[in-house]
């Protein structure tokens, strides 16, 4: 009887321990990921979380901050660059550890986009993966992703996930650029209206003064 009692106690303790582990292990894992690995967003649901977080990034600094502090660290990417395509060429929006960015051009990046680029040596700090940021047929920029923990690998199965994040970034960047353009047009219209208002006021002022002067001369 005593043996059966101890067996029952041991089974109950094991079940309770297992239940507590199942309940608290995800929180413990999240704590370790955030404090020691810098992972702020869970990788399994990163595209969904990013799509909801990106809607609050209504300016370029907020978008770049989200990528730098949350997204790239959660992907364990240590080196990266964000280049914008403009009429004058490539504009560096963000860079961490990718060398010789001035040597890249749009045609070269387009040709190498979407394929894993293995390192040639331990000293090779070049990009391992280049992803285009496209809206429709228009390319707005490129992600250059470099060294990544723990082994610098970008498996083929992960590239579509990373490309989906790049596509979401492209849409956000497009909205920000269009908003900035509309704001500039609005501000330029305000300046033009204000200048026109001052010109009309000045003309009226001069006209009234001239009329008063003529009336005075007539009275004299």
N, C-alpha and C. Protein backbone atom coordinates (compact mmCIF):
# COMPACT_ATOMS: atom_id res chain seq x y z
N UNK A 1 0.84 -1.22 0.00
CA UNK A 1 0.00 0.00 0.00
C UNK A 1 0.87 1.26 0.00
N UNK A 2 1.93 1.24 0.80
CA UNK A 2 2.82 2.39 0.85
C UNK A 2 3.51 2.61 -0.48
N UNK A 3 3.88 1.48 -1.11
CA UNK A 3 4.52 1.57 -2.42
C UNK A 3 3.58 2.19 -3.45
N UNK A 4 2.32 1.78 -3.42
CA UNK A 4 1.33 2.32 -4.36
C UNK A 4 1.10 3.81 -4.09
N UNK A 5 1.13 4.21 -2.81
CA UNK A 5 0.94 5.62 -2.47
C UNK A 5 2.07 6.47 -3.03
N UNK A 6 3.31 6.01 -2.84
CA UNK A 6 4.45 6.75 -3.37
C UNK A 6 4.42 6.79 -4.89
N UNK A 7 3.99 5.71 -5.51
CA UNK A 7 3.88 5.68 -6.97
C UNK A 7 2.86 6.69 -7.45
N UNK A 8 1.73 6.78 -6.75
CA UNK A 8 0.70 7.76 -7.11
C UNK A 8 1.21 9.18 -6.94
N UNK A 9 1.94 9.43 -5.81
CA UNK A 9 2.51 10.76 -5.57
C UNK A 9 3.51 11.12 -6.66
N UNK A 10 4.35 10.17 -7.03
CA UNK A 10 5.35 10.44 -8.06
C UNK A 10 4.69 10.75 -9.39
N UNK A 11 3.64 9.99 -9.75
CA UNK A 11 2.93 10.25 -11.00
C UNK A 11 2.26 11.61 -10.98
N UNK A 12 1.65 11.96 -9.85
CA UNK A 12 0.99 13.26 -9.75
C UNK A 12 2.01 14.39 -9.85
N UNK A 13 3.18 14.20 -9.21
CA UNK A 13 4.23 15.23 -9.27
C UNK A 13 4.75 15.37 -10.70
N UNK A 14 4.91 14.23 -11.39
CA UNK A 14 5.39 14.29 -12.76
C UNK A 14 4.39 15.00 -13.67
N UNK A 15 3.10 14.70 -13.47
CA UNK A 15 2.07 15.35 -14.28
C UNK A 15 2.03 16.85 -14.00
N UNK A 16 2.11 17.21 -12.71
CA UNK A 16 2.10 18.63 -12.35
C UNK A 16 3.31 19.35 -12.91
N UNK A 17 4.49 18.71 -12.81
CA UNK A 17 5.70 19.32 -13.35
C UNK A 17 5.61 19.50 -14.86
N UNK A 18 5.06 18.48 -15.53
CA UNK A 18 4.89 18.60 -16.98
C UNK A 18 3.92 19.71 -17.36
N UNK A 19 2.82 19.83 -16.60
CA UNK A 19 1.86 20.89 -16.88
C UNK A 19 2.45 22.26 -16.66
N UNK A 20 3.21 22.41 -15.58
CA UNK A 20 3.85 23.71 -15.31
C UNK A 20 4.86 24.05 -16.39
N UNK A 21 5.62 23.03 -16.82
CA UNK A 21 6.62 23.25 -17.87
C UNK A 21 5.96 23.70 -19.17
N UNK A 22 4.87 23.03 -19.53
CA UNK A 22 4.15 23.39 -20.76
C UNK A 22 3.59 24.81 -20.66
N UNK A 23 3.14 25.18 -19.46
CA UNK A 23 2.53 26.48 -19.27
C UNK A 23 3.55 27.60 -19.30
N UNK A 24 4.69 27.41 -18.65
CA UNK A 24 5.64 28.51 -18.46
C UNK A 24 6.83 28.47 -19.41
N UNK A 25 7.06 27.35 -20.12
CA UNK A 25 8.22 27.28 -21.00
C UNK A 25 8.16 28.32 -22.12
N UNK A 26 7.01 28.55 -22.78
CA UNK A 26 6.99 29.58 -23.82
C UNK A 26 7.39 30.95 -23.29
N UNK A 27 6.96 31.29 -22.08
CA UNK A 27 7.34 32.57 -21.51
C UNK A 27 8.83 32.62 -21.20
N UNK A 28 9.35 31.51 -20.67
CA UNK A 28 10.78 31.45 -20.39
C UNK A 28 11.58 31.55 -21.68
N UNK A 29 11.14 30.86 -22.72
CA UNK A 29 11.83 30.92 -24.00
C UNK A 29 11.79 32.34 -24.57
N UNK A 30 10.64 33.00 -24.47
CA UNK A 30 10.53 34.38 -24.95
C UNK A 30 11.46 35.30 -24.18
N UNK A 31 11.57 35.07 -22.86
CA UNK A 31 12.48 35.88 -22.04
C UNK A 31 13.93 35.70 -22.48
N UNK A 32 14.33 34.45 -22.71
CA UNK A 32 15.70 34.17 -23.16
C UNK A 32 15.94 34.78 -24.54
N UNK A 33 14.96 34.64 -25.44
CA UNK A 33 15.12 35.19 -26.79
C UNK A 33 15.31 36.70 -26.75
N UNK A 34 14.55 37.40 -25.93
CA UNK A 34 14.62 38.86 -25.88
C UNK A 34 15.88 39.35 -25.17
N UNK A 35 16.21 38.75 -24.03
CA UNK A 35 17.30 39.25 -23.20
C UNK A 35 18.67 38.86 -23.73
N UNK A 36 18.79 37.66 -24.28
CA UNK A 36 20.10 37.15 -24.64
C UNK A 36 20.34 37.07 -26.15
N UNK A 37 19.29 36.87 -26.92
CA UNK A 37 19.45 36.75 -28.36
C UNK A 37 18.96 37.96 -29.13
N UNK A 38 18.27 38.89 -28.46
CA UNK A 38 17.76 40.08 -29.13
C UNK A 38 16.56 39.83 -30.02
N UNK A 39 15.91 38.68 -29.87
CA UNK A 39 14.75 38.34 -30.69
C UNK A 39 13.51 38.93 -30.04
N UNK A 40 12.91 39.93 -30.68
CA UNK A 40 11.75 40.59 -30.12
C UNK A 40 10.44 40.13 -30.74
N UNK A 41 10.50 39.55 -31.92
CA UNK A 41 9.31 39.07 -32.59
C UNK A 41 9.46 37.58 -32.86
N UNK A 42 8.44 36.76 -32.56
CA UNK A 42 8.55 35.32 -32.79
C UNK A 42 8.64 35.01 -34.27
N UNK A 43 9.61 34.17 -34.63
CA UNK A 43 9.86 33.89 -36.04
C UNK A 43 8.67 33.21 -36.70
N UNK A 44 7.96 32.33 -35.96
CA UNK A 44 6.87 31.56 -36.57
C UNK A 44 5.77 32.47 -37.10
N UNK A 45 5.53 33.58 -36.43
CA UNK A 45 4.43 34.48 -36.83
C UNK A 45 4.96 35.86 -37.25
N UNK A 46 6.21 35.91 -37.67
CA UNK A 46 6.82 37.20 -37.99
C UNK A 46 6.11 37.92 -39.14
N UNK A 47 5.76 37.26 -40.25
CA UNK A 47 5.07 37.99 -41.32
C UNK A 47 3.75 38.61 -40.87
N UNK A 48 2.96 37.87 -40.07
CA UNK A 48 1.68 38.40 -39.61
C UNK A 48 1.89 39.57 -38.65
N UNK A 49 2.83 39.41 -37.71
CA UNK A 49 3.09 40.49 -36.75
C UNK A 49 3.65 41.71 -37.45
N UNK A 50 4.54 41.49 -38.40
CA UNK A 50 5.14 42.60 -39.14
C UNK A 50 4.09 43.37 -39.94
N UNK A 51 3.15 42.64 -40.55
CA UNK A 51 2.11 43.31 -41.33
C UNK A 51 1.24 44.20 -40.46
N UNK A 52 1.04 43.81 -39.20
CA UNK A 52 0.24 44.66 -38.30
C UNK A 52 1.07 45.81 -37.74
N UNK A 53 2.35 45.57 -37.48
CA UNK A 53 3.21 46.61 -36.93
C UNK A 53 3.56 47.66 -37.98
N UNK A 54 3.66 47.23 -39.22
CA UNK A 54 4.13 48.14 -40.26
C UNK A 54 3.10 49.21 -40.59
N UNK A 55 1.83 48.95 -40.25
CA UNK A 55 0.80 49.95 -40.53
C UNK A 55 0.98 51.20 -39.68
N UNK A 56 1.67 51.08 -38.55
CA UNK A 56 1.92 52.24 -37.70
C UNK A 56 3.19 52.99 -38.10
N UNK A 57 3.93 52.44 -39.06
CA UNK A 57 5.16 53.10 -39.53
C UNK A 57 4.80 54.04 -40.67
N UNK A 58 4.40 55.25 -40.31
CA UNK A 58 3.93 56.21 -41.29
C UNK A 58 5.02 57.17 -41.77
N UNK A 59 6.24 56.97 -41.29
CA UNK A 59 7.35 57.80 -41.73
C UNK A 59 8.55 56.90 -41.98
N UNK A 60 9.51 57.40 -42.74
CA UNK A 60 10.68 56.61 -43.06
C UNK A 60 11.50 56.27 -41.82
N UNK A 61 11.74 57.21 -40.89
CA UNK A 61 12.49 56.84 -39.68
C UNK A 61 11.82 55.74 -38.86
N UNK A 62 10.48 55.77 -38.75
CA UNK A 62 9.80 54.74 -37.98
C UNK A 62 9.89 53.38 -38.67
N UNK A 63 9.83 53.36 -40.00
CA UNK A 63 9.96 52.10 -40.74
C UNK A 63 11.37 51.53 -40.56
N UNK A 64 12.38 52.36 -40.71
CA UNK A 64 13.76 51.90 -40.55
C UNK A 64 14.02 51.46 -39.11
N UNK A 65 13.43 52.15 -38.15
CA UNK A 65 13.60 51.76 -36.75
C UNK A 65 12.99 50.41 -36.46
N UNK A 66 11.83 50.13 -37.05
CA UNK A 66 11.18 48.83 -36.86
C UNK A 66 12.04 47.71 -37.42
N UNK A 67 12.63 47.93 -38.57
CA UNK A 67 13.49 46.93 -39.17
C UNK A 67 14.75 46.71 -38.34
N UNK A 68 15.35 47.81 -37.89
CA UNK A 68 16.64 47.73 -37.21
C UNK A 68 16.53 47.14 -35.80
N UNK A 69 15.47 47.50 -35.09
CA UNK A 69 15.37 47.08 -33.68
C UNK A 69 14.58 45.79 -33.48
N UNK A 70 13.68 45.46 -34.41
CA UNK A 70 12.81 44.31 -34.20
C UNK A 70 12.98 43.21 -35.26
N UNK A 71 12.87 43.57 -36.53
CA UNK A 71 12.76 42.56 -37.58
C UNK A 71 14.09 41.85 -37.82
N UNK A 72 15.14 42.60 -38.18
CA UNK A 72 16.41 41.95 -38.49
C UNK A 72 17.01 41.21 -37.29
N UNK A 73 16.96 41.76 -36.06
CA UNK A 73 17.44 40.98 -34.92
C UNK A 73 16.64 39.70 -34.71
N UNK A 74 15.32 39.74 -34.95
CA UNK A 74 14.51 38.55 -34.77
C UNK A 74 14.84 37.48 -35.81
N UNK A 75 15.40 37.89 -36.94
CA UNK A 75 15.84 36.95 -37.96
C UNK A 75 17.30 36.54 -37.77
N UNK A 76 17.93 37.05 -36.69
CA UNK A 76 19.33 36.76 -36.36
C UNK A 76 20.28 37.24 -37.46
N UNK A 77 19.88 38.30 -38.15
CA UNK A 77 20.71 38.89 -39.21
C UNK A 77 21.56 40.00 -38.60
N UNK A 78 22.89 39.86 -38.73
CA UNK A 78 23.82 40.80 -38.10
C UNK A 78 24.31 41.87 -39.06
N UNK A 79 24.24 41.60 -40.35
CA UNK A 79 24.68 42.58 -41.35
C UNK A 79 23.58 42.77 -42.39
N UNK A 80 23.31 44.03 -42.71
CA UNK A 80 22.24 44.30 -43.66
C UNK A 80 22.40 45.71 -44.21
N UNK A 81 21.74 45.95 -45.32
CA UNK A 81 21.67 47.28 -45.91
C UNK A 81 20.32 47.42 -46.60
N UNK A 82 19.82 48.65 -46.62
CA UNK A 82 18.54 48.98 -47.24
C UNK A 82 18.82 50.11 -48.23
N UNK A 83 18.70 49.81 -49.52
CA UNK A 83 18.97 50.78 -50.57
C UNK A 83 17.67 51.14 -51.29
N UNK A 84 17.47 52.43 -51.51
CA UNK A 84 16.29 52.91 -52.23
C UNK A 84 16.67 53.26 -53.67
N UNK A 85 15.81 52.88 -54.59
CA UNK A 85 16.01 53.22 -56.00
C UNK A 85 15.39 54.58 -56.28
N UNK A 86 16.18 55.48 -56.85
CA UNK A 86 15.68 56.81 -57.20
C UNK A 86 16.10 57.14 -58.63
N UNK A 87 15.69 58.29 -59.11
CA UNK A 87 16.06 58.70 -60.46
C UNK A 87 17.57 58.90 -60.59
N UNK A 88 18.23 59.21 -59.47
CA UNK A 88 19.67 59.44 -59.50
C UNK A 88 20.48 58.18 -59.22
N UNK A 89 19.80 57.06 -58.97
CA UNK A 89 20.51 55.82 -58.68
C UNK A 89 20.06 55.24 -57.35
N UNK A 90 21.01 54.67 -56.60
CA UNK A 90 20.73 54.03 -55.33
C UNK A 90 21.02 54.97 -54.17
N UNK A 91 20.10 55.05 -53.23
CA UNK A 91 20.25 55.87 -52.03
C UNK A 91 20.32 54.94 -50.82
N UNK A 92 21.34 55.09 -50.00
CA UNK A 92 21.48 54.26 -48.81
C UNK A 92 20.58 54.79 -47.70
N UNK A 93 19.60 53.98 -47.31
CA UNK A 93 18.71 54.35 -46.22
C UNK A 93 19.19 53.78 -44.89
N UNK A 94 19.82 52.61 -44.93
CA UNK A 94 20.26 51.95 -43.71
C UNK A 94 21.40 51.00 -44.06
N UNK A 95 22.39 50.94 -43.19
CA UNK A 95 23.53 50.07 -43.46
C UNK A 95 24.16 49.62 -42.15
N UNK A 96 24.41 48.33 -42.04
CA UNK A 96 25.12 47.80 -40.89
C UNK A 96 26.06 46.68 -41.36
N UNK A 97 27.29 47.05 -41.62
CA UNK A 97 28.32 46.05 -41.87
C UNK A 97 28.48 45.55 -43.28
N UNK A 98 27.68 46.03 -44.25
CA UNK A 98 27.84 45.61 -45.63
C UNK A 98 28.83 46.54 -46.31
N UNK A 99 29.99 46.03 -46.74
CA UNK A 99 31.02 46.92 -47.31
C UNK A 99 30.77 47.22 -48.79
N UNK A 100 31.45 48.27 -49.25
CA UNK A 100 31.50 48.60 -50.68
C UNK A 100 30.12 48.78 -51.31
N UNK A 101 29.24 49.48 -50.60
CA UNK A 101 27.89 49.68 -51.15
C UNK A 101 27.92 50.54 -52.41
N UNK A 102 28.93 51.41 -52.51
CA UNK A 102 29.01 52.29 -53.68
C UNK A 102 29.29 51.53 -54.97
N UNK A 103 29.78 50.29 -54.86
CA UNK A 103 30.10 49.52 -56.06
C UNK A 103 28.89 48.81 -56.64
N UNK A 104 27.77 48.78 -55.91
CA UNK A 104 26.58 48.10 -56.41
C UNK A 104 25.78 49.02 -57.32
N UNK A 105 25.15 48.42 -58.31
CA UNK A 105 24.24 49.16 -59.19
C UNK A 105 22.94 48.37 -59.33
N UNK A 106 21.93 49.01 -59.86
CA UNK A 106 20.60 48.41 -59.94
C UNK A 106 20.60 47.14 -60.78
N UNK A 107 21.31 47.17 -61.89
CA UNK A 107 21.32 46.00 -62.78
C UNK A 107 21.96 44.79 -62.11
N UNK A 108 23.09 45.00 -61.43
CA UNK A 108 23.77 43.90 -60.75
C UNK A 108 22.91 43.31 -59.64
N UNK A 109 22.29 44.19 -58.85
CA UNK A 109 21.44 43.72 -57.76
C UNK A 109 20.24 42.95 -58.28
N UNK A 110 19.68 43.40 -59.39
CA UNK A 110 18.53 42.72 -59.98
C UNK A 110 18.91 41.32 -60.47
N UNK A 111 20.09 41.20 -61.05
CA UNK A 111 20.53 39.90 -61.55
C UNK A 111 20.77 38.90 -60.43
N UNK A 112 21.26 39.38 -59.28
CA UNK A 112 21.60 38.48 -58.18
C UNK A 112 20.46 38.31 -57.18
N UNK A 113 19.34 38.96 -57.42
CA UNK A 113 18.25 38.96 -56.44
C UNK A 113 17.62 37.58 -56.31
N UNK A 114 17.33 37.21 -55.05
CA UNK A 114 16.57 36.00 -54.78
C UNK A 114 17.38 34.74 -54.66
N UNK A 115 18.70 34.78 -54.85
CA UNK A 115 19.52 33.59 -54.78
C UNK A 115 20.53 33.71 -53.64
N UNK A 116 20.71 32.62 -52.92
CA UNK A 116 21.69 32.60 -51.83
C UNK A 116 23.09 32.68 -52.40
N UNK A 117 23.91 33.59 -51.83
CA UNK A 117 25.28 33.81 -52.30
C UNK A 117 26.23 33.27 -51.23
N UNK A 118 26.83 32.12 -51.43
CA UNK A 118 27.72 31.56 -50.40
C UNK A 118 28.96 32.42 -50.22
N UNK A 119 29.51 32.41 -49.01
CA UNK A 119 30.70 33.19 -48.72
C UNK A 119 31.91 32.53 -49.35
N UNK A 120 32.84 33.37 -49.83
CA UNK A 120 34.05 32.86 -50.45
C UNK A 120 35.13 32.56 -49.43
N UNK A 121 35.07 33.25 -48.29
CA UNK A 121 36.04 33.03 -47.22
C UNK A 121 35.46 33.56 -45.92
N UNK A 122 36.17 33.34 -44.82
CA UNK A 122 35.72 33.85 -43.53
C UNK A 122 35.76 35.37 -43.48
N UNK A 123 36.60 35.97 -44.31
CA UNK A 123 36.71 37.43 -44.34
C UNK A 123 35.71 38.07 -45.30
N UNK A 124 34.93 37.26 -45.98
CA UNK A 124 33.96 37.77 -46.94
C UNK A 124 32.77 38.39 -46.20
N UNK A 125 32.63 39.71 -46.29
CA UNK A 125 31.53 40.42 -45.63
C UNK A 125 30.46 40.87 -46.62
N UNK A 126 30.49 40.34 -47.81
CA UNK A 126 29.50 40.72 -48.81
C UNK A 126 28.13 40.16 -48.49
N UNK A 127 27.11 40.61 -49.21
CA UNK A 127 25.74 40.13 -48.95
C UNK A 127 25.59 38.65 -49.29
N UNK A 128 24.79 37.95 -48.48
CA UNK A 128 24.48 36.54 -48.73
C UNK A 128 23.16 36.40 -49.50
N UNK A 129 22.32 37.42 -49.40
CA UNK A 129 21.02 37.37 -50.05
C UNK A 129 20.59 38.78 -50.41
N UNK A 130 20.13 38.96 -51.64
CA UNK A 130 19.65 40.25 -52.13
C UNK A 130 18.17 40.09 -52.48
N UNK A 131 17.34 40.93 -51.89
CA UNK A 131 15.90 40.85 -52.13
C UNK A 131 15.41 42.17 -52.69
N UNK A 132 14.67 42.14 -53.81
CA UNK A 132 14.10 43.37 -54.36
C UNK A 132 12.85 43.79 -53.59
N UNK A 133 12.64 45.09 -53.48
CA UNK A 133 11.42 45.64 -52.88
C UNK A 133 10.59 46.20 -54.02
N UNK A 134 9.57 45.44 -54.41
CA UNK A 134 8.80 45.78 -55.60
C UNK A 134 7.33 45.99 -55.27
N UNK A 135 6.74 46.96 -55.96
CA UNK A 135 5.29 47.17 -55.94
C UNK A 135 4.83 47.08 -57.39
N UNK A 136 4.16 45.98 -57.71
CA UNK A 136 3.83 45.73 -59.11
C UNK A 136 5.11 45.43 -59.89
N UNK A 137 5.32 46.20 -60.94
CA UNK A 137 6.55 46.04 -61.74
C UNK A 137 7.62 47.05 -61.36
N UNK A 138 7.32 47.94 -60.43
CA UNK A 138 8.27 48.98 -60.04
C UNK A 138 9.13 48.52 -58.87
N UNK A 139 10.44 48.62 -59.03
CA UNK A 139 11.38 48.28 -57.97
C UNK A 139 11.73 49.55 -57.19
N UNK A 140 11.37 49.56 -55.91
CA UNK A 140 11.60 50.73 -55.07
C UNK A 140 12.92 50.65 -54.32
N UNK A 141 13.47 49.46 -54.18
CA UNK A 141 14.71 49.34 -53.43
C UNK A 141 15.17 47.90 -53.34
N UNK A 142 16.18 47.69 -52.49
CA UNK A 142 16.75 46.36 -52.29
C UNK A 142 17.14 46.18 -50.83
N UNK A 143 16.96 44.95 -50.36
CA UNK A 143 17.57 44.53 -49.10
C UNK A 143 18.83 43.74 -49.42
N UNK A 144 19.92 44.09 -48.79
CA UNK A 144 21.15 43.32 -48.87
C UNK A 144 21.38 42.70 -47.49
N UNK A 145 21.21 41.39 -47.40
CA UNK A 145 21.31 40.69 -46.13
C UNK A 145 22.63 39.94 -46.08
N UNK A 146 23.41 40.19 -45.00
CA UNK A 146 24.73 39.60 -44.88
C UNK A 146 24.81 38.51 -43.83
N UNK A 147 25.83 38.59 -42.97
CA UNK A 147 26.09 37.54 -42.00
C UNK A 147 24.89 37.34 -41.08
N UNK A 148 24.69 36.05 -40.74
CA UNK A 148 23.52 35.68 -39.95
C UNK A 148 23.92 34.57 -38.98
N UNK A 149 23.44 34.68 -37.75
CA UNK A 149 23.72 33.64 -36.77
C UNK A 149 22.84 32.42 -37.05
N UNK A 150 23.34 31.21 -36.82
CA UNK A 150 24.70 30.92 -36.34
C UNK A 150 25.69 30.59 -37.45
N UNK A 151 25.22 30.41 -38.70
CA UNK A 151 26.11 29.86 -39.73
C UNK A 151 26.02 30.60 -41.06
N UNK A 152 25.43 31.81 -41.07
CA UNK A 152 25.33 32.63 -42.29
C UNK A 152 24.48 31.99 -43.39
N UNK A 153 23.66 31.02 -43.05
CA UNK A 153 22.86 30.34 -44.06
C UNK A 153 21.49 31.01 -44.24
N UNK A 154 21.03 31.03 -45.49
CA UNK A 154 19.67 31.44 -45.83
C UNK A 154 19.05 30.29 -46.63
N UNK A 155 18.44 29.31 -45.95
CA UNK A 155 17.89 28.15 -46.65
C UNK A 155 16.86 28.56 -47.70
N UNK A 156 16.78 27.77 -48.76
CA UNK A 156 15.87 28.08 -49.85
C UNK A 156 14.43 28.16 -49.37
N UNK A 157 14.07 27.36 -48.36
CA UNK A 157 12.70 27.36 -47.87
C UNK A 157 12.36 28.67 -47.15
N UNK A 158 13.37 29.39 -46.66
CA UNK A 158 13.13 30.64 -45.94
C UNK A 158 13.07 31.86 -46.86
N UNK A 159 13.63 31.74 -48.04
CA UNK A 159 13.72 32.91 -48.93
C UNK A 159 12.34 33.47 -49.28
N UNK A 160 11.31 32.64 -49.58
CA UNK A 160 9.98 33.22 -49.82
C UNK A 160 9.42 33.98 -48.62
N UNK A 161 9.72 33.51 -47.40
CA UNK A 161 9.26 34.23 -46.21
C UNK A 161 9.94 35.59 -46.12
N UNK A 162 11.24 35.60 -46.34
CA UNK A 162 11.97 36.87 -46.31
C UNK A 162 11.50 37.80 -47.44
N UNK A 163 11.20 37.22 -48.60
CA UNK A 163 10.71 38.03 -49.71
C UNK A 163 9.35 38.64 -49.39
N UNK A 164 8.50 37.90 -48.66
CA UNK A 164 7.20 38.45 -48.27
C UNK A 164 7.37 39.65 -47.34
N UNK A 165 8.37 39.58 -46.45
CA UNK A 165 8.66 40.72 -45.58
C UNK A 165 9.15 41.90 -46.41
N UNK A 166 9.98 41.61 -47.42
CA UNK A 166 10.46 42.68 -48.30
C UNK A 166 9.31 43.30 -49.09
N UNK A 167 8.35 42.48 -49.53
CA UNK A 167 7.20 42.99 -50.27
C UNK A 167 6.35 43.91 -49.39
N UNK A 168 6.15 43.52 -48.14
CA UNK A 168 5.41 44.38 -47.22
C UNK A 168 6.14 45.70 -46.99
N UNK A 169 7.46 45.61 -46.90
CA UNK A 169 8.26 46.83 -46.72
C UNK A 169 8.14 47.73 -47.95
N UNK A 170 8.11 47.12 -49.13
CA UNK A 170 7.98 47.91 -50.35
C UNK A 170 6.66 48.68 -50.38
N UNK A 171 5.58 48.03 -49.94
CA UNK A 171 4.28 48.72 -49.91
C UNK A 171 4.31 49.87 -48.91
N UNK A 172 4.90 49.62 -47.74
CA UNK A 172 5.00 50.68 -46.74
C UNK A 172 5.85 51.83 -47.25
N UNK A 173 6.98 51.51 -47.90
CA UNK A 173 7.85 52.55 -48.45
C UNK A 173 7.13 53.36 -49.53
N UNK A 174 6.36 52.67 -50.37
CA UNK A 174 5.60 53.36 -51.41
C UNK A 174 4.59 54.34 -50.81
N UNK A 175 3.88 53.90 -49.77
CA UNK A 175 2.91 54.78 -49.12
C UNK A 175 3.59 56.00 -48.49
N UNK A 176 4.74 55.77 -47.87
CA UNK A 176 5.47 56.87 -47.23
C UNK A 176 5.94 57.88 -48.28
N UNK A 177 6.49 57.37 -49.39
CA UNK A 177 6.97 58.27 -50.44
C UNK A 177 5.83 59.07 -51.06
N UNK A 178 4.69 58.42 -51.28
CA UNK A 178 3.54 59.13 -51.84
C UNK A 178 3.00 60.17 -50.86
N UNK A 179 2.98 59.82 -49.58
CA UNK A 179 2.52 60.78 -48.57
C UNK A 179 3.45 61.98 -48.51
N UNK A 180 4.74 61.74 -48.55
CA UNK A 180 5.71 62.85 -48.53
C UNK A 180 5.55 63.73 -49.77
N UNK A 181 5.30 63.09 -50.92
CA UNK A 181 5.12 63.86 -52.14
C UNK A 181 3.87 64.74 -52.07
N UNK A 182 2.77 64.17 -51.57
CA UNK A 182 1.54 64.95 -51.42
C UNK A 182 1.73 66.08 -50.42
N UNK A 183 2.47 65.80 -49.34
CA UNK A 183 2.72 66.84 -48.34
C UNK A 183 3.54 67.98 -48.94
N UNK A 184 4.52 67.63 -49.76
CA UNK A 184 5.34 68.67 -50.40
C UNK A 184 4.51 69.51 -51.37
N UNK A 185 3.61 68.83 -52.12
CA UNK A 185 2.74 69.57 -53.04
C UNK A 185 1.82 70.50 -52.26
N UNK A 186 1.26 69.98 -51.16
CA UNK A 186 0.37 70.79 -50.34
C UNK A 186 1.10 72.00 -49.76
N UNK A 187 2.30 71.78 -49.25
CA UNK A 187 3.06 72.89 -48.67
C UNK A 187 3.47 73.90 -49.73
N UNK A 188 3.83 73.40 -50.92
CA UNK A 188 4.19 74.33 -52.00
C UNK A 188 2.98 75.15 -52.44
N UNK A 189 1.78 74.52 -52.44
CA UNK A 189 0.56 75.26 -52.78
C UNK A 189 0.26 76.33 -51.72
N UNK A 190 0.47 75.97 -50.46
CA UNK A 190 0.26 76.96 -49.40
C UNK A 190 1.20 78.14 -49.57
N UNK A 191 2.46 77.85 -49.87
CA UNK A 191 3.43 78.93 -50.08
C UNK A 191 3.03 79.80 -51.27
N UNK A 192 2.56 79.15 -52.33
CA UNK A 192 2.18 79.92 -53.51
C UNK A 192 0.96 80.80 -53.23
N UNK A 193 -0.03 80.23 -52.51
CA UNK A 193 -1.23 81.00 -52.15
C UNK A 193 -0.86 82.16 -51.24
N UNK A 194 0.04 81.92 -50.29
CA UNK A 194 0.44 82.97 -49.36
C UNK A 194 1.17 84.09 -50.10
N UNK A 195 2.03 83.74 -51.04
CA UNK A 195 2.72 84.76 -51.83
C UNK A 195 1.74 85.56 -52.68
N UNK A 196 0.75 84.85 -53.24
CA UNK A 196 -0.25 85.54 -54.06
C UNK A 196 -1.09 86.47 -53.20
N UNK A 197 -1.44 86.02 -51.98
CA UNK A 197 -2.22 86.87 -51.08
C UNK A 197 -1.44 88.13 -50.73
N UNK A 198 -0.16 87.99 -50.46
CA UNK A 198 0.66 89.17 -50.12
C UNK A 198 0.78 90.09 -51.32
N UNK A 199 0.89 89.53 -52.53
CA UNK A 199 0.99 90.37 -53.73
C UNK A 199 -0.29 91.18 -53.95
N UNK A 200 -1.45 90.47 -53.78
CA UNK A 200 -2.73 91.17 -53.95
C UNK A 200 -2.88 92.26 -52.90
N UNK A 201 -2.51 91.94 -51.65
CA UNK A 201 -2.61 92.95 -50.59
C UNK A 201 -1.72 94.15 -50.89
N UNK A 202 -0.53 93.88 -51.39
CA UNK A 202 0.40 94.97 -51.71
C UNK A 202 -0.14 95.81 -52.87
N UNK A 203 -0.71 95.14 -53.89
CA UNK A 203 -1.28 95.88 -55.02
C UNK A 203 -2.45 96.74 -54.57
N UNK A 204 -3.32 96.15 -53.70
CA UNK A 204 -4.46 96.93 -53.21
C UNK A 204 -3.98 98.11 -52.38
N UNK A 205 -2.97 97.87 -51.57
CA UNK A 205 -2.44 98.96 -50.75
C UNK A 205 -1.92 100.10 -51.61
N UNK A 206 -1.14 99.72 -52.63
CA UNK A 206 -0.58 100.76 -53.52
C UNK A 206 -1.69 101.45 -54.30
N UNK A 207 -2.70 100.66 -54.72
CA UNK A 207 -3.79 101.25 -55.50
C UNK A 207 -4.60 102.23 -54.66
N UNK A 208 -4.90 101.84 -53.41
CA UNK A 208 -5.66 102.72 -52.53
C UNK A 208 -4.89 104.00 -52.26
N UNK A 209 -3.59 103.86 -52.01
CA UNK A 209 -2.78 105.06 -51.76
C UNK A 209 -2.77 105.97 -52.98
N UNK A 210 -2.66 105.40 -54.15
CA UNK A 210 -2.68 106.22 -55.37
C UNK A 210 -4.02 106.93 -55.54
N UNK A 211 -5.11 106.20 -55.25
CA UNK A 211 -6.42 106.82 -55.37
C UNK A 211 -6.59 107.95 -54.37
N UNK A 212 -6.12 107.75 -53.13
CA UNK A 212 -6.21 108.81 -52.13
C UNK A 212 -5.39 110.02 -52.54
N UNK A 213 -4.24 109.76 -53.11
CA UNK A 213 -3.39 110.87 -53.56
C UNK A 213 -4.06 111.65 -54.68
N UNK A 214 -4.71 110.92 -55.61
CA UNK A 214 -5.40 111.60 -56.68
C UNK A 214 -6.59 112.40 -56.18
N UNK A 215 -7.34 111.83 -55.20
CA UNK A 215 -8.48 112.56 -54.62
C UNK A 215 -8.00 113.83 -53.91
N UNK A 216 -6.87 113.71 -53.22
CA UNK A 216 -6.36 114.90 -52.52
C UNK A 216 -5.93 115.97 -53.52
N UNK A 217 -5.28 115.54 -54.58
CA UNK A 217 -4.88 116.51 -55.58
C UNK A 217 -6.12 117.17 -56.21
N UNK A 218 -7.17 116.37 -56.41
CA UNK A 218 -8.39 116.92 -57.00
C UNK A 218 -9.03 117.93 -56.07
N UNK A 219 -9.06 117.61 -54.74
CA UNK A 219 -9.63 118.53 -53.78
C UNK A 219 -8.81 119.81 -53.71
N UNK A 220 -7.49 119.68 -53.76
CA UNK A 220 -6.65 120.87 -53.75
C UNK A 220 -6.89 121.73 -54.98
